Amino acid sequence: MANTISETELAALLTETGHKHHQAYAESDGADPEWALWYAGYIQAKLWDGAGRLPGQSELIYLLVKADREFTASGDDGPWPRYYARLLLEALA
């Protein structure tokens, strides 16, 4: 099934998610060891089937953590949302 959300749109959703998460965890300056769980719930509620299929929460958590680890290891200094969006869309295609 083809993606109906673009990489740019998903990157924007990831940016929005990051801002919302930081607001929710403002008292801890955004620190949250379970951040991927929070992100997955927020993204899942907004994304629905825009990625071509609706991923389960556990799959989305896995993909977010994988994207985070790969981005950190890559040394990429570009925007993280774009990197994550590309990985997520490739995995969900």
Protein backbone atom coordinates (compact mmCIF):
# COMPACT_ATOMS: atom_id res chain seq x y z
CA MET A 1 0.00 0.00 0.00
CA ALA A 2 1.42 3.41 -0.94
CA ASN A 3 2.21 6.11 1.58
CA THR A 4 -0.29 8.95 1.62
CA ILE A 5 1.86 11.11 3.89
CA SER A 6 5.04 12.63 2.53
CA GLU A 7 8.40 12.57 4.26
CA THR A 8 8.07 16.34 4.77
CA GLU A 9 4.62 15.96 6.36
CA LEU A 10 5.79 13.16 8.64
CA ALA A 11 8.89 15.16 9.62
CA ALA A 12 6.58 18.07 10.53
CA LEU A 13 4.45 15.69 12.64
CA LEU A 14 7.59 14.45 14.40
CA THR A 15 8.63 18.05 15.10
CA GLU A 16 5.16 18.81 16.49
CA THR A 17 5.32 15.65 18.59
CA GLY A 18 8.68 16.70 20.00
CA HIS A 19 7.32 20.11 20.98
CA LYS A 20 4.20 18.60 22.58
CA HIS A 21 6.31 16.07 24.47
CA HIS A 22 8.63 18.77 25.75
CA GLN A 23 5.60 20.78 26.94
CA ALA A 24 4.17 17.74 28.70
CA TYR A 25 7.51 17.10 30.41
CA ALA A 26 8.51 20.74 30.97
CA GLU A 27 9.20 20.21 34.65
CA SER A 28 11.91 17.69 33.77
CA ASP A 29 13.16 19.76 30.79
CA GLY A 30 11.75 17.12 28.45
CA ALA A 31 13.60 14.23 30.10
CA ASP A 32 11.56 11.05 29.75
CA PRO A 33 13.12 7.58 29.59
CA GLU A 34 9.89 6.31 27.99
CA TRP A 35 9.77 9.04 25.34
CA ALA A 36 9.18 6.58 22.49
CA LEU A 37 6.00 5.33 24.16
CA TRP A 38 4.66 8.90 24.43
CA TYR A 39 5.69 9.72 20.84
CA ALA A 40 4.09 6.52 19.51
CA GLY A 41 0.74 7.30 21.11
CA TYR A 42 0.74 10.88 19.86
CA ILE A 43 1.87 9.98 16.34
CA GLN A 44 -0.53 7.06 16.09
CA ALA A 45 -3.46 9.29 17.01
CA LYS A 46 -2.48 11.84 14.34
CA LEU A 47 -1.18 9.53 11.61
CA TRP A 48 -3.90 6.91 11.33
CA ASP A 49 -3.29 5.25 7.95
CA GLY A 50 -1.40 8.13 6.33
CA ALA A 51 1.73 5.99 6.19
CA GLY A 52 -0.01 3.39 4.05
CA ARG A 53 -0.97 1.25 7.02
CA LEU A 54 -1.53 1.93 10.69
CA PRO A 55 1.40 0.51 12.65
CA GLY A 56 0.82 -1.00 16.05
CA GLN A 57 2.09 0.97 19.01
CA SER A 58 4.85 -1.54 19.79
CA GLU A 59 6.06 -1.46 16.17
CA LEU A 60 6.08 2.32 16.19
CA ILE A 61 8.01 2.39 19.47
CA TYR A 62 10.57 -0.02 18.01
CA LEU A 63 10.96 2.10 14.86
CA LEU A 64 11.33 5.32 16.85
CA VAL A 65 14.01 3.85 19.11
CA LYS A 66 15.76 2.37 16.06
CA ALA A 67 15.67 5.74 14.30
CA ASP A 68 17.05 7.46 17.40
CA ARG A 69 19.92 4.99 17.73
CA GLU A 70 20.77 5.11 14.03
CA PHE A 71 20.60 8.91 13.93
CA THR A 72 22.86 9.21 16.97
CA ALA A 73 25.36 6.68 15.60
CA SER A 74 25.41 8.31 12.15
CA GLY A 75 26.75 11.62 13.40
CA ASP A 76 24.29 13.27 11.00
CA ASP A 77 23.97 16.95 11.89
CA GLY A 78 20.80 17.43 9.85
CA PRO A 79 17.35 17.71 11.38
CA TRP A 80 16.38 14.54 13.26
CA PRO A 81 12.69 14.65 12.20
CA ARG A 82 13.59 14.26 8.52
CA TYR A 83 15.89 11.32 9.30
CA TYR A 84 13.24 9.60 11.45
CA ALA A 85 10.52 10.24 8.86
CA ARG A 86 12.56 8.62 6.09
CA LEU A 87 13.26 5.54 8.23
CA LEU A 88 9.64 5.23 9.37
CA LEU A 89 8.21 5.51 5.86
CA GLU A 90 10.70 2.98 4.49
CA ALA A 91 9.79 0.52 7.24
CA LEU A 92 6.05 1.01 6.81
CA ALA A 93 6.04 0.84 3.00
